[in-house]
């Protein structure tokens, strides 16, 4: 487990990724990052049909899974995506707010299995099974 300061630094690093900032990603609860994230389906997140771009929701399903796992990572551990399988269940229109949450299904020494869900107004619009490899860091 990491200290609150280390966790806060790691969360800020996720928030500071230029793509995440460009797409308007925000923490659902800044005091509790594992609660997930949200973003608006504005112009940067839309496809040519003015609907949520699938690649954007894939990206944020992965981020939500990472934030759910983060409290269980040690000071010298990081997690990288090994596999992500997502299902896009319904189109999301421009202007919608997409909320994403992640949960840890099982965390082992070297691998973690996670689930992420994206909702709009409480309706499930996408879900993912995410496998992350736990890797040592400096």
C-alpha atoms as a PDB file:
ATOM      1  CA  UNK A   1       0.000   0.000   0.000  1.00  0.00           C
ATOM      2  CA  UNK A   2       1.169   3.505  -0.730  1.00  0.00           C
ATOM      3  CA  UNK A   3       0.978   6.573   1.465  1.00  0.00           C
ATOM      4  CA  UNK A   4      -1.739   9.152   0.773  1.00  0.00           C
ATOM      5  CA  UNK A   5       0.896  11.561  -0.601  1.00  0.00           C
ATOM      6  CA  UNK A   6       2.239   8.988  -3.059  1.00  0.00           C
ATOM      7  CA  UNK A   7      -1.295   8.070  -4.131  1.00  0.00           C
ATOM      8  CA  UNK A   8      -2.175  11.749  -4.639  1.00  0.00           C
ATOM      9  CA  UNK A   9       0.938  12.208  -6.795  1.00  0.00           C
ATOM     10  CA  UNK A  10       0.012   9.175  -8.896  1.00  0.00           C
ATOM     11  CA  UNK A  11      -3.562  10.376  -9.323  1.00  0.00           C
ATOM     12  CA  UNK A  12      -2.341  13.811 -10.376  1.00  0.00           C
ATOM     13  CA  UNK A  13      -0.049  12.189 -12.949  1.00  0.00           C
ATOM     14  CA  UNK A  14      -3.104  10.448 -14.449  1.00  0.00           C
ATOM     15  CA  UNK A  15      -5.055  13.716 -14.501  1.00  0.00           C
ATOM     16  CA  UNK A  16      -2.118  15.537 -16.127  1.00  0.00           C
ATOM     17  CA  UNK A  17      -1.882  13.237 -19.151  1.00  0.00           C
ATOM     18  CA  UNK A  18      -2.477  15.648 -22.054  1.00  0.00           C
ATOM     19  CA  UNK A  19      -5.075  13.407 -23.731  1.00  0.00           C
ATOM     20  CA  UNK A  20      -7.077  13.165 -20.503  1.00  0.00           C
ATOM     21  CA  UNK A  21      -6.999  16.957 -20.050  1.00  0.00           C
ATOM     22  CA  UNK A  22      -7.942  17.533 -23.696  1.00  0.00           C
ATOM     23  CA  UNK A  23     -10.971  15.243 -23.342  1.00  0.00           C
ATOM     24  CA  UNK A  24     -12.109  16.952 -20.125  1.00  0.00           C
ATOM     25  CA  UNK A  25     -11.621  14.032 -17.729  1.00  0.00           C
ATOM     26  CA  UNK A  26     -12.492  14.833 -14.100  1.00  0.00           C
ATOM     27  CA  UNK A  27     -12.552  12.834 -10.879  1.00  0.00           C
ATOM     28  CA  UNK A  28     -16.073  12.011  -9.703  1.00  0.00           C
ATOM     29  CA  UNK A  29     -14.924  12.592  -6.107  1.00  0.00           C
ATOM     30  CA  UNK A  30     -11.575  14.396  -5.766  1.00  0.00           C
ATOM     31  CA  UNK A  31     -11.306  13.178  -2.156  1.00  0.00           C
ATOM     32  CA  UNK A  32     -11.689   9.551  -3.286  1.00  0.00           C
ATOM     33  CA  UNK A  33     -10.149   8.872  -6.757  1.00  0.00           C
ATOM     34  CA  UNK A  34     -11.195   5.173  -6.828  1.00  0.00           C
ATOM     35  CA  UNK A  35     -14.797   6.465  -7.076  1.00  0.00           C
ATOM     36  CA  UNK A  36     -14.096   6.956 -10.774  1.00  0.00           C
ATOM     37  CA  UNK A  37     -14.091   9.663 -13.381  1.00  0.00           C
ATOM     38  CA  UNK A  38     -16.430  11.536 -15.688  1.00  0.00           C
ATOM     39  CA  UNK A  39     -16.129  13.480 -18.914  1.00  0.00           C
ATOM     40  CA  UNK A  40     -18.404  15.449 -21.230  1.00  0.00           C
ATOM     41  CA  UNK A  41     -19.158  14.250 -24.735  1.00  0.00           C
ATOM     42  CA  UNK A  42     -18.030  17.520 -26.246  1.00  0.00           C
ATOM     43  CA  UNK A  43     -16.472  18.040 -29.658  1.00  0.00           C
ATOM     44  CA  UNK A  44     -13.136  16.424 -28.695  1.00  0.00           C
ATOM     45  CA  UNK A  45     -14.884  13.179 -27.647  1.00  0.00           C
ATOM     46  CA  UNK A  46     -17.220  12.852 -30.642  1.00  0.00           C
ATOM     47  CA  UNK A  47     -17.021  10.880 -33.861  1.00  0.00           C
ATOM     48  CA  UNK A  48     -18.197  12.195 -37.237  1.00  0.00           C
ATOM     49  CA  UNK A  49     -21.833  11.344 -36.330  1.00  0.00           C
ATOM     50  CA  UNK A  50     -21.691  13.605 -33.226  1.00  0.00           C
ATOM     51  CA  UNK A  51     -21.773  10.544 -30.940  1.00  0.00           C
ATOM     52  CA  UNK A  52     -19.245   9.414 -28.332  1.00  0.00           C
ATOM     53  CA  UNK A  53     -16.146   8.066 -30.090  1.00  0.00           C
ATOM     54  CA  UNK A  54     -15.503   4.434 -29.133  1.00  0.00           C
ATOM     55  CA  UNK A  55     -11.781   5.001 -28.622  1.00  0.00           C
ATOM     56  CA  UNK A  56     -12.471   7.669 -26.025  1.00  0.00           C
ATOM     57  CA  UNK A  57     -14.670   5.412 -23.928  1.00  0.00           C
ATOM     58  CA  UNK A  58     -12.106   2.557 -24.253  1.00  0.00           C
ATOM     59  CA  UNK A  59      -9.436   4.922 -22.924  1.00  0.00           C
ATOM     60  CA  UNK A  60     -11.489   6.000 -19.947  1.00  0.00           C
ATOM     61  CA  UNK A  61     -12.658   2.472 -19.105  1.00  0.00           C
ATOM     62  CA  UNK A  62      -8.954   1.674 -18.732  1.00  0.00           C
ATOM     63  CA  UNK A  63      -8.340   4.774 -16.578  1.00  0.00           C
ATOM     64  CA  UNK A  64     -11.259   3.934 -14.271  1.00  0.00           C
ATOM     65  CA  UNK A  65      -9.854   0.428 -13.786  1.00  0.00           C
ATOM     66  CA  UNK A  66      -6.414   1.829 -12.953  1.00  0.00           C
ATOM     67  CA  UNK A  67      -7.823   4.253 -10.385  1.00  0.00           C
ATOM     68  CA  UNK A  68      -9.726   1.406  -8.710  1.00  0.00           C
ATOM     69  CA  UNK A  69      -6.512  -0.618  -8.480  1.00  0.00           C
ATOM     70  CA  UNK A  70      -4.263   2.243  -7.395  1.00  0.00           C
ATOM     71  CA  UNK A  71      -4.881   1.993  -3.607  1.00  0.00           C
ATOM     72  CA  UNK A  72      -3.632  -1.609  -3.623  1.00  0.00           C
ATOM     73  CA  UNK A  73      -0.376  -0.838  -5.438  1.00  0.00           C
ATOM     74  CA  UNK A  74       2.774  -0.672  -3.360  1.00  0.00           C
ATOM     75  CA  UNK A  75       5.234   2.205  -3.471  1.00  0.00           C
ATOM     76  CA  UNK A  76       7.414   0.309  -5.954  1.00  0.00           C
ATOM     77  CA  UNK A  77       4.604  -1.098  -8.100  1.00  0.00           C
ATOM     78  CA  UNK A  78       2.842   0.145 -11.194  1.00  0.00           C
ATOM     79  CA  UNK A  79       0.147  -1.482 -13.315  1.00  0.00           C
ATOM     80  CA  UNK A  80       0.101  -1.621 -17.088  1.00  0.00           C
ATOM     81  CA  UNK A  81      -2.724  -2.860 -19.257  1.00  0.00           C
ATOM     82  CA  UNK A  82      -2.185  -6.398 -20.425  1.00  0.00           C
ATOM     83  CA  UNK A  83      -5.624  -6.897 -21.976  1.00  0.00           C
ATOM     84  CA  UNK A  84      -8.815  -4.886 -22.341  1.00  0.00           C
ATOM     85  CA  UNK A  85     -12.061  -6.223 -23.734  1.00  0.00           C
ATOM     86  CA  UNK A  86     -14.830  -3.667 -24.008  1.00  0.00           C
ATOM     87  CA  UNK A  87     -18.461  -3.786 -25.014  1.00  0.00           C
ATOM     88  CA  UNK A  88     -20.121  -0.648 -26.304  1.00  0.00           C
ATOM     89  CA  UNK A  89     -23.780  -1.149 -25.490  1.00  0.00           C
ATOM     90  CA  UNK A  90     -25.511   1.946 -26.859  1.00  0.00           C
ATOM     91  CA  UNK A  91     -24.663   5.205 -28.616  1.00  0.00           C
ATOM     92  CA  UNK A  92     -24.056   8.280 -26.477  1.00  0.00           C
ATOM     93  CA  UNK A  93     -25.110  11.656 -27.871  1.00  0.00           C
ATOM     94  CA  UNK A  94     -23.162  14.903 -27.883  1.00  0.00           C
ATOM     95  CA  UNK A  95     -23.568  16.884 -24.688  1.00  0.00           C
ATOM     96  CA  UNK A  96     -23.957  13.848 -22.413  1.00  0.00           C
ATOM     97  CA  UNK A  97     -21.958  13.364 -19.226  1.00  0.00           C
ATOM     98  CA  UNK A  98     -20.329   9.924 -19.042  1.00  0.00           C
ATOM     99  CA  UNK A  99     -19.525   8.545 -15.568  1.00  0.00           C
ATOM    100  CA  UNK A 100     -17.051   5.680 -15.244  1.00  0.00           C
ATOM    101  CA  UNK A 101     -16.271   3.443 -12.309  1.00  0.00           C
ATOM    102  CA  UNK A 102     -13.851   0.594 -11.887  1.00  0.00           C
ATOM    103  CA  UNK A 103     -13.672  -2.324  -9.509  1.00  0.00           C
ATOM    104  CA  UNK A 104     -11.000  -4.821  -8.597  1.00  0.00           C
ATOM    105  CA  UNK A 105     -12.216  -8.367  -9.170  1.00  0.00           C
ATOM    106  CA  UNK A 106      -8.987 -10.007  -8.054  1.00  0.00           C
ATOM    107  CA  UNK A 107      -5.457  -8.782  -7.473  1.00  0.00           C
ATOM    108  CA  UNK A 108      -2.565 -11.194  -7.386  1.00  0.00           C
ATOM    109  CA  UNK A 109       1.162 -10.606  -7.034  1.00  0.00           C
ATOM    110  CA  UNK A 110       1.748 -10.099 -10.765  1.00  0.00           C
ATOM    111  CA  UNK A 111      -1.702  -9.662 -12.337  1.00  0.00           C
ATOM    112  CA  UNK A 112      -4.931  -7.826 -11.487  1.00  0.00           C
ATOM    113  CA  UNK A 113      -8.364  -8.473 -12.953  1.00  0.00           C
ATOM    114  CA  UNK A 114     -10.716  -5.501 -13.075  1.00  0.00           C
ATOM    115  CA  UNK A 115     -14.071  -4.398 -14.401  1.00  0.00           C
ATOM    116  CA  UNK A 116     -15.102  -0.934 -15.553  1.00  0.00           C
ATOM    117  CA  UNK A 117     -18.490   0.495 -16.405  1.00  0.00           C
ATOM    118  CA  UNK A 118     -19.579   3.666 -18.159  1.00  0.00           C
ATOM    119  CA  UNK A 119     -23.026   5.119 -17.531  1.00  0.00           C
ATOM    120  CA  UNK A 120     -25.069   8.078 -18.707  1.00  0.00           C
ATOM    121  CA  UNK A 121     -27.818   9.174 -16.333  1.00  0.00           C
ATOM    122  CA  UNK A 122     -27.515   5.809 -14.574  1.00  0.00           C
ATOM    123  CA  UNK A 123     -27.894   3.770 -17.779  1.00  0.00           C
ATOM    124  CA  UNK A 124     -25.024   1.416 -18.666  1.00  0.00           C
ATOM    125  CA  UNK A 125     -23.518   2.403 -22.030  1.00  0.00           C
ATOM    126  CA  UNK A 126     -20.222   0.464 -22.005  1.00  0.00           C
ATOM    127  CA  UNK A 127     -18.326  -2.053 -19.901  1.00  0.00           C
ATOM    128  CA  UNK A 128     -14.883  -3.603 -19.922  1.00  0.00           C
ATOM    129  CA  UNK A 129     -12.889  -6.444 -18.464  1.00  0.00           C
ATOM    130  CA  UNK A 130      -9.344  -5.212 -17.880  1.00  0.00           C
ATOM    131  CA  UNK A 131      -6.271  -7.247 -17.025  1.00  0.00           C
ATOM    132  CA  UNK A 132      -3.277  -5.326 -15.719  1.00  0.00           C
ATOM    133  CA  UNK A 133       0.219  -6.624 -15.149  1.00  0.00           C
ATOM    134  CA  UNK A 134       1.823  -5.452 -11.918  1.00  0.00           C
ATOM    135  CA  UNK A 135       5.343  -4.275 -12.708  1.00  0.00           C
ATOM    136  CA  UNK A 136       8.152  -2.996 -10.479  1.00  0.00           C
ATOM    137  CA  UNK A 137       9.212   0.643 -10.698  1.00  0.00           C
ATOM    138  CA  UNK A 138      12.437   2.398  -9.650  1.00  0.00           C
END
